[in-house]
C-alpha atoms as a PDB file:
ATOM      1  CA  MET A   1      77.320 127.144 106.597  1.00  0.00           C
ATOM      2  CA  GLU A   2      75.339 129.601 105.705  1.00  0.00           C
ATOM      3  CA  GLU A   3      77.482 130.408 102.446  1.00  0.00           C
ATOM      4  CA  ARG A   4      77.003 126.469 101.581  1.00  0.00           C
ATOM      5  CA  MET A   5      73.413 126.356 101.611  1.00  0.00           C
ATOM      6  CA  VAL A   6      73.580 129.794  99.520  1.00  0.00           C
ATOM      7  CA  ARG A   7      75.971 128.368  96.817  1.00  0.00           C
ATOM      8  CA  LEU A   8      73.930 124.593  97.486  1.00  0.00           C
ATOM      9  CA  ARG A   9      70.321 126.458  96.197  1.00  0.00           C
ATOM     10  CA  GLU A  10      72.281 128.135  93.284  1.00  0.00           C
ATOM     11  CA  GLY A  11      72.946 124.779  92.259  1.00  0.00           C
ATOM     12  CA  MET A  12      69.697 123.548  92.885  1.00  0.00           C
ATOM     13  CA  ALA A  13      67.811 126.273  90.299  1.00  0.00           C
ATOM     14  CA  HIS A  14      70.982 125.777  88.093  1.00  0.00           C
ATOM     15  CA  VAL A  15      69.166 122.002  87.616  1.00  0.00           C
ATOM     16  CA  GLY A  16      65.648 123.099  88.052  1.00  0.00           C
ATOM     17  CA  ALA A  17      64.571 121.465  91.861  1.00  0.00           C
ATOM     18  CA  ASP A  18      62.569 122.741  94.525  1.00  0.00           C
ATOM     19  CA  ALA A  19      64.679 120.752  96.853  1.00  0.00           C
ATOM     20  CA  PHE A  20      67.277 118.719  98.041  1.00  0.00           C
ATOM     21  CA  PHE A  21      67.446 115.813  99.859  1.00  0.00           C
ATOM     22  CA  SER A  22      70.176 114.161 101.686  1.00  0.00           C
ATOM     23  CA  LEU A  23      71.158 111.102 103.983  1.00  0.00           C
ATOM     24  CA  SER A  24      74.543 111.205 103.905  1.00  0.00           C
ATOM     25  CA  PRO A  25      76.965 111.663 106.767  1.00  0.00           C
ATOM     26  CA  SER A  26      79.406 113.463 105.312  1.00  0.00           C
ATOM     27  CA  ALA A  27      77.118 116.210 102.772  1.00  0.00           C
ATOM     28  CA  ASN A  28      75.238 116.384 106.157  1.00  0.00           C
ATOM     29  CA  ALA A  29      78.134 117.368 108.049  1.00  0.00           C
ATOM     30  CA  TYR A  30      79.828 119.733 105.430  1.00  0.00           C
ATOM     31  CA  LEU A  31      76.025 121.687 104.552  1.00  0.00           C
ATOM     32  CA  ALA A  32      74.880 121.751 108.571  1.00  0.00           C
ATOM     33  CA  GLY A  33      77.633 120.500 110.683  1.00  0.00           C
ATOM     34  CA  PHE A  34      76.643 117.855 112.203  1.00  0.00           C
ATOM     35  CA  ARG A  35      79.218 114.797 112.728  1.00  0.00           C
ATOM     36  CA  GLY A  36      76.748 111.959 113.736  1.00  0.00           C
ATOM     37  CA  SER A  37      76.082 109.384 111.623  1.00  0.00           C
ATOM     38  CA  THR A  38      72.698 109.360 111.248  1.00  0.00           C
ATOM     39  CA  SER A  39      70.323 112.348 110.027  1.00  0.00           C
ATOM     40  CA  ALA A  40      68.570 113.600 107.029  1.00  0.00           C
ATOM     41  CA  LEU A  41      68.784 116.947 105.326  1.00  0.00           C
ATOM     42  CA  VAL A  42      66.231 118.693 103.289  1.00  0.00           C
ATOM     43  CA  VAL A  43      66.370 122.131 101.824  1.00  0.00           C
ATOM     44  CA  THR A  44      64.462 124.411  99.655  1.00  0.00           C
ATOM     45  CA  HIS A  45      65.134 127.705  98.256  1.00  0.00           C
ATOM     46  CA  ASP A  46      63.823 129.406 101.471  1.00  0.00           C
ATOM     47  CA  ALA A  47      63.559 126.611 104.171  1.00  0.00           C
ATOM     48  CA  ALA A  48      66.338 124.093 105.029  1.00  0.00           C
ATOM     49  CA  HIS A  49      65.189 121.176 107.764  1.00  0.00           C
ATOM     50  CA  PHE A  50      67.209 118.761 109.727  1.00  0.00           C
ATOM     51  CA  LEU A  51      65.593 115.609 110.995  1.00  0.00           C
ATOM     52  CA  CYS A  52      67.115 112.987 113.604  1.00  0.00           C
ATOM     53  CA  ASP A  53      66.212 110.322 115.860  1.00  0.00           C
ATOM     54  CA  PHE A  54      66.347 111.093 119.526  1.00  0.00           C
ATOM     55  CA  ARG A  55      70.256 109.395 120.341  1.00  0.00           C
ATOM     56  CA  TYR A  56      71.452 111.760 118.222  1.00  0.00           C
ATOM     57  CA  THR A  57      68.907 115.298 119.087  1.00  0.00           C
ATOM     58  CA  GLU A  58      71.088 116.736 121.978  1.00  0.00           C
ATOM     59  CA  GLN A  59      73.871 116.836 119.904  1.00  0.00           C
ATOM     60  CA  ALA A  60      72.459 118.348 116.665  1.00  0.00           C
ATOM     61  CA  GLU A  61      70.922 121.408 118.820  1.00  0.00           C
ATOM     62  CA  ALA A  62      74.425 121.820 119.590  1.00  0.00           C
ATOM     63  CA  GLN A  63      76.388 121.251 116.079  1.00  0.00           C
ATOM     64  CA  VAL A  64      73.547 122.232 113.349  1.00  0.00           C
ATOM     65  CA  ARG A  65      73.696 125.612 111.945  1.00  0.00           C
ATOM     66  CA  GLY A  66      71.324 127.399 109.884  1.00  0.00           C
ATOM     67  CA  CYS A  67      68.791 124.497 109.773  1.00  0.00           C
ATOM     68  CA  GLU A  68      65.377 123.662 111.543  1.00  0.00           C
ATOM     69  CA  VAL A  69      65.920 120.930 113.690  1.00  0.00           C
ATOM     70  CA  THR A  70      63.485 118.325 113.953  1.00  0.00           C
ATOM     71  CA  GLU A  71      63.404 114.951 116.028  1.00  0.00           C
ATOM     72  CA  VAL A  72      61.544 112.040 114.278  1.00  0.00           C
ATOM     73  CA  THR A  73      61.047 108.223 115.733  1.00  0.00           C
ATOM     74  CA  GLY A  74      61.676 105.558 113.067  1.00  0.00           C
ATOM     75  CA  ALA A  75      63.351 105.068 109.432  1.00  0.00           C
ATOM     76  CA  LEU A  76      64.297 108.483 108.140  1.00  0.00           C
ATOM     77  CA  GLU A  77      63.495 108.142 104.804  1.00  0.00           C
ATOM     78  CA  PRO A  78      59.899 108.085 105.351  1.00  0.00           C
ATOM     79  CA  HIS A  79      59.647 111.127 107.069  1.00  0.00           C
ATOM     80  CA  VAL A  80      62.047 112.847 104.318  1.00  0.00           C
ATOM     81  CA  GLY A  81      59.347 111.929 101.558  1.00  0.00           C
ATOM     82  CA  GLU A  82      56.598 113.330 103.730  1.00  0.00           C
ATOM     83  CA  ARG A  83      58.452 116.576 104.737  1.00  0.00           C
ATOM     84  CA  LEU A  84      59.235 117.174 100.803  1.00  0.00           C
ATOM     85  CA  LYS A  85      55.638 116.716 100.515  1.00  0.00           C
ATOM     86  CA  ALA A  86      54.120 119.126 102.879  1.00  0.00           C
ATOM     87  CA  LEU A  87      56.869 121.611 101.424  1.00  0.00           C
ATOM     88  CA  GLY A  88      54.804 120.944  97.727  1.00  0.00           C
ATOM     89  CA  ALA A  89      58.740 120.365  96.355  1.00  0.00           C
ATOM     90  CA  ARG A  90      57.339 118.983  93.115  1.00  0.00           C
ATOM     91  CA  GLN A  91      60.736 117.875  91.938  1.00  0.00           C
ATOM     92  CA  ALA A  92      64.364 116.724  94.960  1.00  0.00           C
ATOM     93  CA  VAL A  93      67.371 116.582  93.603  1.00  0.00           C
ATOM     94  CA  PHE A  94      69.832 113.848  95.611  1.00  0.00           C
ATOM     95  CA  ASP A  95      73.323 112.520  94.990  1.00  0.00           C
ATOM     96  CA  PRO A  96      72.554 109.107  93.442  1.00  0.00           C
ATOM     97  CA  THR A  97      76.481 107.716  94.858  1.00  0.00           C
ATOM     98  CA  ALA A  98      75.419 108.788  98.857  1.00  0.00           C
ATOM     99  CA  HIS A  99      72.197 106.946  98.836  1.00  0.00           C
ATOM    100  CA  THR A 100      71.429 103.197  98.340  1.00  0.00           C
ATOM    101  CA  VAL A 101      68.146 101.829  96.120  1.00  0.00           C
ATOM    102  CA  ASP A 102      66.424 100.996  99.138  1.00  0.00           C
ATOM    103  CA  GLN A 103      66.503 104.510 100.710  1.00  0.00           C
ATOM    104  CA  LEU A 104      65.716 106.272  97.477  1.00  0.00           C
ATOM    105  CA  ASP A 105      62.588 103.922  97.367  1.00  0.00           C
ATOM    106  CA  ARG A 106      61.660 104.695 100.925  1.00  0.00           C
ATOM    107  CA  VAL A 107      62.043 108.019 100.258  1.00  0.00           C
ATOM    108  CA  ARG A 108      60.170 107.854  97.067  1.00  0.00           C
ATOM    109  CA  GLY A 109      57.268 105.799  98.354  1.00  0.00           C
ATOM    110  CA  ALA A 110      55.976 108.876 101.035  1.00  0.00           C
ATOM    111  CA  TYR A 111      57.163 111.391  98.739  1.00  0.00           C
ATOM    112  CA  GLY A 112      55.392 110.837  95.528  1.00  0.00           C
ATOM    113  CA  GLY A 113      56.983 113.576  93.577  1.00  0.00           C
ATOM    114  CA  ASP A 114      59.873 113.723  91.017  1.00  0.00           C
ATOM    115  CA  CYS A 115      63.698 112.873  92.232  1.00  0.00           C
ATOM    116  CA  VAL A 116      66.193 113.404  90.613  1.00  0.00           C
ATOM    117  CA  SER A 117      69.873 111.952  90.552  1.00  0.00           C
ATOM    118  CA  ASN A 118      72.712 114.676  90.591  1.00  0.00           C
ATOM    119  CA  SER A 119      76.024 113.144  91.914  1.00  0.00           C
ATOM    120  CA  ARG A 120      77.663 116.466  90.940  1.00  0.00           C
ATOM    121  CA  LEU A 121      75.472 118.588  92.850  1.00  0.00           C
ATOM    122  CA  VAL A 122      77.236 119.091  96.466  1.00  0.00           C
ATOM    123  CA  ALA A 123      80.525 116.969  95.351  1.00  0.00           C
ATOM    124  CA  ASP A 124      81.341 120.105  93.027  1.00  0.00           C
ATOM    125  CA  LEU A 125      81.165 122.316  96.319  1.00  0.00           C
ATOM    126  CA  ARG A 126      83.072 120.281  98.445  1.00  0.00           C
ATOM    127  CA  MET A 127      85.860 119.639  96.232  1.00  0.00           C
ATOM    128  CA  ILE A 128      87.322 123.625  96.626  1.00  0.00           C
ATOM    129  CA  LYS A 129      88.460 123.693 100.341  1.00  0.00           C
ATOM    130  CA  SER A 130      88.081 126.889 102.484  1.00  0.00           C
ATOM    131  CA  ARG A 131      91.286 127.913 104.527  1.00  0.00           C
ATOM    132  CA  ALA A 132      89.990 126.716 107.595  1.00  0.00           C
ATOM    133  CA  GLU A 133      88.901 123.077 105.865  1.00  0.00           C
ATOM    134  CA  ILE A 134      92.359 122.848 104.605  1.00  0.00           C
ATOM    135  CA  GLU A 135      94.037 123.704 108.164  1.00  0.00           C
ATOM    136  CA  CYS A 136      92.260 121.015 109.829  1.00  0.00           C
ATOM    137  CA  ILE A 137      93.785 118.751 106.597  1.00  0.00           C
ATOM    138  CA  ARG A 138      97.356 119.759 107.761  1.00  0.00           C
ATOM    139  CA  ARG A 139      96.672 119.387 111.272  1.00  0.00           C
ATOM    140  CA  ALA A 140      95.539 115.956 110.932  1.00  0.00           C
ATOM    141  CA  SER A 141      98.615 115.360 108.043  1.00  0.00           C
ATOM    142  CA  ARG A 142     100.997 115.840 111.074  1.00  0.00           C
ATOM    143  CA  LEU A 143      99.586 114.284 113.392  1.00  0.00           C
ATOM    144  CA  ALA A 144      99.545 111.384 110.764  1.00  0.00           C
ATOM    145  CA  GLU A 145     103.224 112.244 110.058  1.00  0.00           C
ATOM    146  CA  GLY A 146     104.037 111.851 113.806  1.00  0.00           C
ATOM    147  CA  VAL A 147     102.544 108.232 114.365  1.00  0.00           C
ATOM    148  CA  LEU A 148     104.681 106.936 110.850  1.00  0.00           C
ATOM    149  CA  ALA A 149     107.466 108.201 112.287  1.00  0.00           C
ATOM    150  CA  ASP A 150     107.724 106.554 115.645  1.00  0.00           C
ATOM    151  CA  MET A 151     106.146 103.373 113.759  1.00  0.00           C
ATOM    152  CA  THR A 152     108.778 102.774 111.796  1.00  0.00           C
ATOM    153  CA  GLY A 153     111.437 104.381 114.511  1.00  0.00           C
ATOM    154  CA  ASN A 154     110.384 100.666 116.821  1.00  0.00           C
ATOM    155  CA  LEU A 155     109.131  98.644 114.591  1.00  0.00           C
ATOM    156  CA  GLY A 156     110.972  95.573 116.117  1.00  0.00           C
ATOM    157  CA  SER A 157     111.441  92.262 114.678  1.00  0.00           C
ATOM    158  CA  GLY A 158     108.787  90.688 116.387  1.00  0.00           C
ATOM    159  CA  GLN A 159     105.837  92.797 115.565  1.00  0.00           C
ATOM    160  CA  THR A 160     102.992  91.390 112.918  1.00  0.00           C
ATOM    161  CA  GLU A 161     101.543  93.894 110.242  1.00  0.00           C
ATOM    162  CA  GLN A 162      97.993  93.236 112.033  1.00  0.00           C
ATOM    163  CA  ALA A 163      99.838  94.499 115.016  1.00  0.00           C
ATOM    164  CA  VAL A 164     101.685  97.450 113.997  1.00  0.00           C
ATOM    165  CA  ALA A 165      97.627  98.313 111.841  1.00  0.00           C
ATOM    166  CA  ALA A 166      96.445  98.223 115.453  1.00  0.00           C
ATOM    167  CA  ARG A 167      99.107 100.824 117.320  1.00  0.00           C
ATOM    168  CA  ILE A 168      98.778 103.010 114.262  1.00  0.00           C
ATOM    169  CA  ASP A 169      94.587 102.887 115.230  1.00  0.00           C
ATOM    170  CA  TYR A 170      95.133 103.648 118.785  1.00  0.00           C
ATOM    171  CA  GLU A 171      97.636 105.888 118.956  1.00  0.00           C
ATOM    172  CA  PHE A 172      96.067 108.239 116.316  1.00  0.00           C
ATOM    173  CA  LYS A 173      93.186 108.158 118.824  1.00  0.00           C
ATOM    174  CA  LEU A 174      95.766 108.763 121.790  1.00  0.00           C
ATOM    175  CA  ARG A 175      96.558 111.805 120.135  1.00  0.00           C
ATOM    176  CA  GLY A 176      93.619 113.314 120.003  1.00  0.00           C
ATOM    177  CA  ALA A 177      92.218 112.207 116.205  1.00  0.00           C
ATOM    178  CA  GLU A 178      89.075 110.967 115.673  1.00  0.00           C
ATOM    179  CA  GLY A 179      90.059 107.854 114.870  1.00  0.00           C
ATOM    180  CA  ALA A 180      91.988 106.004 111.679  1.00  0.00           C
ATOM    181  CA  SER A 181      90.532 107.765 107.869  1.00  0.00           C
ATOM    182  CA  PHE A 182      90.580 103.762 106.654  1.00  0.00           C
ATOM    183  CA  ALA A 183      91.707 100.577 107.919  1.00  0.00           C
ATOM    184  CA  PRO A 184      95.566 101.080 107.952  1.00  0.00           C
ATOM    185  CA  ILE A 185      97.615  99.195 105.514  1.00  0.00           C
ATOM    186  CA  VAL A 186     100.509  97.503 106.648  1.00  0.00           C
ATOM    187  CA  LEU A 187     102.604  95.302 104.638  1.00  0.00           C
ATOM    188  CA  PHE A 188     105.981  93.247 104.926  1.00  0.00           C
ATOM    189  CA  GLY A 189     108.044  91.569 101.838  1.00  0.00           C
ATOM    190  CA  PRO A 190     106.319  90.292  98.757  1.00  0.00           C
ATOM    191  CA  ARG A 191     102.937  91.006  99.992  1.00  0.00           C
ATOM    192  CA  SER A 192     103.363  94.786  99.329  1.00  0.00           C
ATOM    193  CA  SER A 193     102.840  94.091  95.730  1.00  0.00           C
ATOM    194  CA  LEU A 194      98.973  94.430  96.913  1.00  0.00           C
ATOM    195  CA  PRO A 195      98.378  98.004  96.674  1.00  0.00           C
ATOM    196  CA  HIS A 196      95.338  97.565  99.526  1.00  0.00           C
ATOM    197  CA  GLY A 197      96.032  94.243 100.998  1.00  0.00           C
ATOM    198  CA  MET A 198      94.673  93.787 104.461  1.00  0.00           C
ATOM    199  CA  PRO A 199      97.585  93.338 107.313  1.00  0.00           C
ATOM    200  CA  GLY A 200      98.375  89.874 108.313  1.00  0.00           C
ATOM    201  CA  ALA A 201     100.831  87.730 110.720  1.00  0.00           C
ATOM    202  CA  ARG A 202     103.899  87.922 108.701  1.00  0.00           C
ATOM    203  CA  THR A 203     106.769  89.657 110.782  1.00  0.00           C
ATOM    204  CA  PRO A 204     109.575  91.387 109.076  1.00  0.00           C
ATOM    205  CA  GLU A 205     112.292  89.674 107.912  1.00  0.00           C
ATOM    206  CA  LYS A 206     115.726  91.359 106.725  1.00  0.00           C
ATOM    207  CA  GLY A 207     115.490  92.640 103.538  1.00  0.00           C
ATOM    208  CA  ASP A 208     111.401  92.776 103.466  1.00  0.00           C
ATOM    209  CA  VAL A 209     110.389  95.225 102.018  1.00  0.00           C
ATOM    210  CA  VAL A 210     107.952  98.111 104.832  1.00  0.00           C
ATOM    211  CA  LEU A 211     104.590  99.431 103.046  1.00  0.00           C
ATOM    212  CA  ILE A 212     102.480 101.273 105.205  1.00  0.00           C
ATOM    213  CA  ASP A 213      98.924 103.333 103.567  1.00  0.00           C
ATOM    214  CA  MET A 214      97.753 105.766 106.618  1.00  0.00           C
ATOM    215  CA  GLY A 215      95.599 108.381 107.656  1.00  0.00           C
ATOM    216  CA  CYS A 216      93.656 109.862 110.863  1.00  0.00           C
ATOM    217  CA  VAL A 217      90.975 112.371 111.570  1.00  0.00           C
ATOM    218  CA  LEU A 218      90.895 115.537 113.148  1.00  0.00           C
ATOM    219  CA  ASP A 219      88.319 117.893 113.309  1.00  0.00           C
ATOM    220  CA  GLY A 220      86.176 115.814 110.610  1.00  0.00           C
ATOM    221  CA  TYR A 221      88.718 116.183 108.490  1.00  0.00           C
ATOM    222  CA  CYS A 222      90.987 113.227 107.212  1.00  0.00           C
ATOM    223  CA  SER A 223      94.338 112.867 106.243  1.00  0.00           C
ATOM    224  CA  ASP A 224      96.113 110.341 103.894  1.00  0.00           C
ATOM    225  CA  LEU A 225     100.015 109.564 103.374  1.00  0.00           C
ATOM    226  CA  THR A 226     101.968 106.323 101.796  1.00  0.00           C
ATOM    227  CA  ARG A 227     106.231 105.658 102.628  1.00  0.00           C
ATOM    228  CA  THR A 228     107.576 102.405 101.602  1.00  0.00           C
ATOM    229  CA  PHE A 229     110.645 101.732 103.277  1.00  0.00           C
ATOM    230  CA  THR A 230     113.427  98.366 103.621  1.00  0.00           C
ATOM    231  CA  TYR A 231     113.775  96.429 107.523  1.00  0.00           C
ATOM    232  CA  GLY A 232     117.382  95.827 107.812  1.00  0.00           C
ATOM    233  CA  THR A 233     119.062  96.250 104.202  1.00  0.00           C
ATOM    234  CA  ILE A 234     117.752  96.763 100.788  1.00  0.00           C
ATOM    235  CA  PRO A 235     116.090  93.532  99.201  1.00  0.00           C
ATOM    236  CA  GLY A 236     118.081  94.274  95.849  1.00  0.00           C
ATOM    237  CA  THR A 237     118.705  96.279  93.004  1.00  0.00           C
ATOM    238  CA  TRP A 238     115.108  95.409  91.318  1.00  0.00           C
ATOM    239  CA  PHE A 239     113.832  97.497  94.511  1.00  0.00           C
ATOM    240  CA  GLU A 240     116.491 100.790  94.094  1.00  0.00           C
ATOM    241  CA  GLU A 241     115.425 100.957  90.583  1.00  0.00           C
ATOM    242  CA  ILE A 242     110.888 100.449  91.329  1.00  0.00           C
ATOM    243  CA  TYR A 243     111.698 103.064  93.969  1.00  0.00           C
ATOM    244  CA  THR A 244     113.603 105.440  92.112  1.00  0.00           C
ATOM    245  CA  ILE A 245     111.608 105.479  89.051  1.00  0.00           C
ATOM    246  CA  THR A 246     108.235 105.563  91.341  1.00  0.00           C
ATOM    247  CA  LEU A 247     109.614 108.511  93.197  1.00  0.00           C
ATOM    248  CA  ASN A 248     110.639 110.469  89.991  1.00  0.00           C
ATOM    249  CA  ALA A 249     106.965 110.228  88.900  1.00  0.00           C
ATOM    250  CA  GLN A 250     105.533 111.338  91.787  1.00  0.00           C
ATOM    251  CA  GLN A 251     107.972 114.771  91.509  1.00  0.00           C
ATOM    252  CA  ALA A 252     106.927 115.122  88.079  1.00  0.00           C
ATOM    253  CA  ALA A 253     103.563 115.115  88.772  1.00  0.00           C
ATOM    254  CA  LEU A 254     104.097 117.018  91.568  1.00  0.00           C
ATOM    255  CA  GLY A 255     105.312 119.501  89.435  1.00  0.00           C
ATOM    256  CA  ALA A 256     102.323 119.610  86.844  1.00  0.00           C
ATOM    257  CA  VAL A 257      99.573 120.085  90.006  1.00  0.00           C
ATOM    258  CA  LYS A 258      98.244 123.671  89.001  1.00  0.00           C
ATOM    259  CA  PRO A 259      95.024 125.724  88.057  1.00  0.00           C
ATOM    260  CA  GLY A 260      94.093 125.038  84.790  1.00  0.00           C
ATOM    261  CA  VAL A 261      95.316 121.150  84.467  1.00  0.00           C
ATOM    262  CA  GLY A 262      93.511 118.147  83.534  1.00  0.00           C
ATOM    263  CA  CYS A 263      93.587 116.004  86.601  1.00  0.00           C
ATOM    264  CA  ALA A 264      94.121 112.699  83.672  1.00  0.00           C
ATOM    265  CA  GLU A 265      96.536 115.257  82.346  1.00  0.00           C
ATOM    266  CA  VAL A 266      98.607 115.030  85.761  1.00  0.00           C
ATOM    267  CA  ASP A 267      97.639 111.574  85.718  1.00  0.00           C
ATOM    268  CA  ALA A 268      99.162 110.976  82.686  1.00  0.00           C
ATOM    269  CA  VAL A 269     102.645 112.704  83.160  1.00  0.00           C
ATOM    270  CA  ALA A 270     103.338 110.091  86.407  1.00  0.00           C
ATOM    271  CA  ARG A 271     102.088 106.909  84.044  1.00  0.00           C
ATOM    272  CA  ALA A 272     103.969 108.245  80.815  1.00  0.00           C
ATOM    273  CA  ILE A 273     107.409 107.782  83.389  1.00  0.00           C
ATOM    274  CA  ILE A 274     106.878 104.410  84.526  1.00  0.00           C
ATOM    275  CA  SER A 275     105.356 103.045  81.169  1.00  0.00           C
ATOM    276  CA  ASP A 276     108.223 104.186  79.611  1.00  0.00           C
ATOM    277  CA  ALA A 277     110.462 102.134  82.277  1.00  0.00           C
ATOM    278  CA  GLY A 278     109.169  99.398  81.149  1.00  0.00           C
ATOM    279  CA  TYR A 279     106.656  99.052  84.463  1.00  0.00           C
ATOM    280  CA  GLY A 280     103.556 100.616  83.015  1.00  0.00           C
ATOM    281  CA  ASP A 281     101.383  97.253  83.564  1.00  0.00           C
ATOM    282  CA  GLN A 282     102.482  97.362  87.394  1.00  0.00           C
ATOM    283  CA  PHE A 283     100.889 100.633  87.647  1.00  0.00           C
ATOM    284  CA  GLY A 284      97.259 100.031  87.805  1.00  0.00           C
ATOM    285  CA  HIS A 285      95.716 102.538  89.330  1.00  0.00           C
ATOM    286  CA  GLY A 286      94.925 106.155  89.543  1.00  0.00           C
ATOM    287  CA  LEU A 287      97.381 108.482  90.260  1.00  0.00           C
ATOM    288  CA  GLY A 288      95.525 110.376  93.081  1.00  0.00           C
ATOM    289  CA  HIS A 289      92.161 111.541  94.530  1.00  0.00           C
ATOM    290  CA  GLY A 290      90.537 114.369  96.659  1.00  0.00           C
ATOM    291  CA  VAL A 291      90.761 114.038 100.475  1.00  0.00           C
ATOM    292  CA  GLY A 292      88.458 115.889 103.024  1.00  0.00           C
ATOM    293  CA  LEU A 293      85.122 115.097 105.120  1.00  0.00           C
ATOM    294  CA  GLU A 294      85.789 111.676 103.002  1.00  0.00           C
ATOM    295  CA  VAL A 295      89.023 110.335 102.562  1.00  0.00           C
ATOM    296  CA  HIS A 296      88.202 109.572  98.926  1.00  0.00           C
ATOM    297  CA  GLU A 297      86.247 112.510  97.207  1.00  0.00           C
ATOM    298  CA  ALA A 298      86.419 113.904  93.978  1.00  0.00           C
ATOM    299  CA  PRO A 299      88.327 115.451  92.284  1.00  0.00           C
ATOM    300  CA  ARG A 300      90.275 112.016  91.038  1.00  0.00           C
ATOM    301  CA  LEU A 301      93.089 112.324  89.271  1.00  0.00           C
ATOM    302  CA  ASN A 302      92.630 109.325  86.704  1.00  0.00           C
ATOM    303  CA  ARG A 303      93.216 108.910  83.211  1.00  0.00           C
ATOM    304  CA  GLN A 304      88.743 108.863  83.421  1.00  0.00           C
ATOM    305  CA  SER A 305      88.314 112.274  84.575  1.00  0.00           C
ATOM    306  CA  ASP A 306      87.590 115.160  83.319  1.00  0.00           C
ATOM    307  CA  THR A 307      88.060 117.486  85.898  1.00  0.00           C
ATOM    308  CA  MET A 308      90.741 120.369  85.844  1.00  0.00           C
ATOM    309  CA  LEU A 309      92.376 121.651  88.596  1.00  0.00           C
ATOM    310  CA  ARG A 310      91.035 124.458  90.728  1.00  0.00           C
ATOM    311  CA  PRO A 311      92.731 126.298  94.084  1.00  0.00           C
ATOM    312  CA  GLY A 312      91.388 125.013  97.106  1.00  0.00           C
ATOM    313  CA  MET A 313      91.104 121.601  95.723  1.00  0.00           C
ATOM    314  CA  VAL A 314      93.074 118.672  98.339  1.00  0.00           C
ATOM    315  CA  VAL A 315      94.058 115.844  96.480  1.00  0.00           C
ATOM    316  CA  THR A 316      96.859 113.250  96.613  1.00  0.00           C
ATOM    317  CA  VAL A 317      99.498 112.349  94.285  1.00  0.00           C
ATOM    318  CA  GLU A 318     100.848 108.152  94.989  1.00  0.00           C
ATOM    319  CA  PRO A 319     102.129 106.544  92.091  1.00  0.00           C
ATOM    320  CA  GLY A 320     102.884 102.722  92.279  1.00  0.00           C
ATOM    321  CA  ILE A 321     104.800  99.918  91.002  1.00  0.00           C
ATOM    322  CA  TYR A 322     104.034  96.735  92.298  1.00  0.00           C
ATOM    323  CA  LEU A 323     105.795  93.174  91.373  1.00  0.00           C
ATOM    324  CA  PRO A 324     103.749  90.133  92.558  1.00  0.00           C
ATOM    325  CA  GLY A 325     105.941  87.975  94.407  1.00  0.00           C
ATOM    326  CA  LYS A 326     108.269  90.727  95.317  1.00  0.00           C
ATOM    327  CA  GLY A 327     107.166  93.688  96.374  1.00  0.00           C
ATOM    328  CA  GLY A 328     106.036  97.115  95.666  1.00  0.00           C
ATOM    329  CA  VAL A 329     105.966 100.577  95.845  1.00  0.00           C
ATOM    330  CA  ARG A 330     103.785 103.431  96.620  1.00  0.00           C
ATOM    331  CA  ILE A 331     104.789 106.851  97.540  1.00  0.00           C
ATOM    332  CA  GLU A 332     101.826 108.917  98.736  1.00  0.00           C
ATOM    333  CA  ASP A 333     101.702 113.120  99.777  1.00  0.00           C
ATOM    334  CA  LEU A 334      98.500 115.463 100.185  1.00  0.00           C
ATOM    335  CA  VAL A 335      98.654 118.401  98.207  1.00  0.00           C
ATOM    336  CA  VAL A 336      96.879 121.811  97.934  1.00  0.00           C
ATOM    337  CA  VAL A 337      96.501 123.403  94.635  1.00  0.00           C
ATOM    338  CA  THR A 338      97.205 126.976  95.095  1.00  0.00           C
ATOM    339  CA  GLU A 339      96.938 129.784  92.384  1.00  0.00           C
ATOM    340  CA  ASP A 340     100.115 129.270  90.916  1.00  0.00           C
ATOM    341  CA  GLY A 341     101.026 125.671  91.588  1.00  0.00           C
ATOM    342  CA  CYS A 342     100.453 123.557  94.477  1.00  0.00           C
ATOM    343  CA  GLU A 343     102.051 123.407  98.002  1.00  0.00           C
ATOM    344  CA  ILE A 344     102.791 119.917  99.382  1.00  0.00           C
ATOM    345  CA  LEU A 345     100.612 119.337 103.268  1.00  0.00           C
ATOM    346  CA  THR A 346     103.741 115.901 103.806  1.00  0.00           C
ATOM    347  CA  ARG A 347     106.454 116.662 104.847  1.00  0.00           C
ATOM    348  CA  SER A 348     107.932 113.305 105.765  1.00  0.00           C
ATOM    349  CA  SER A 349     111.516 112.479 103.482  1.00  0.00           C
ATOM    350  CA  LYS A 350     111.235 110.347 100.568  1.00  0.00           C
ATOM    351  CA  GLU A 351     114.595 109.074 100.467  1.00  0.00           C
ATOM    352  CA  LEU A 352     114.927 105.643 100.463  1.00  0.00           C
ATOM    353  CA  GLU A 353     115.144 104.982 104.316  1.00  0.00           C
ATOM    354  CA  VAL A 354     116.374 101.469 105.202  1.00  0.00           C
ATOM    355  CA  LEU A 355     114.639 101.253 109.129  1.00  0.00           C
ATOM    356  CA  ILE A 356     116.665  98.903 111.469  1.00  0.00           C
ATOM    357  CA  ALA A 357     116.079  95.470 112.324  1.00  0.00           C
END
């Protein structure tokens, strides 16, 4: 935590800010070690103050490092503003992507100083994971892969998408995770063409596509993986075609992940293969995203990104092809950028598997 505060203060100095404030749970976990859902952090160049209410005081005193813990009553935002004012901060920087307009208005109302938005200050720090962080993500991935193997090995014809998603949630917690890193996506048949579809009441039928996108939180860090299967039999040559194209695109993109390569360049590698095969319009999302304390964080692997890959970044690589009315394919791995390429953290097989009906 001390090193992170040093780097934060260097960033504050670079943008000319006297202070930094945050009401973001993930940022406060990263900078202060607090794992609760409601807190505030005020950092100047020579002090760090952590604010919480009675519900979290005992937890904060056990978890928070490098900050003075203060219990407050009522909404946190006015206390943040008052603390900034008392510390004599003339300009305070904050992340606009992690705060609501209402939160900012209430901080400003009690502060009176200049609040300056900067979405990169903490995000850039969090993009580069330490060895300990990578190990947490690795273990979260292993746990999720174990649950996936058990779910697909015993799918059962009478289970709805909702039931399988609920079992995934249950197994995560049963095996020691804090829970799912996002609501599991379980889709059968034509519904697998919905990239982020919500599980429903459909049960698997012979020849259905089975798409499962899932991840868990372990020791505060997230995992994320997607695999696509078929149930009982392959639905047709159309499916084998898009599965092969998606897998080829993913493997090519994985080969392109290395330091100094732009995130947009990696996206372009996968996108070109899918587009050249005639399915460019059916791959409408970005290739991937960063994973850490949040399941979706910087950097983004998409056409708009201006970020260059650096060692220690952990990202997903997840191309997909989605055919409305028929079904879809997505294959997703977690990878960490190394000094000369990348390490694939996800170990689950990507060979086309037909689940037993």
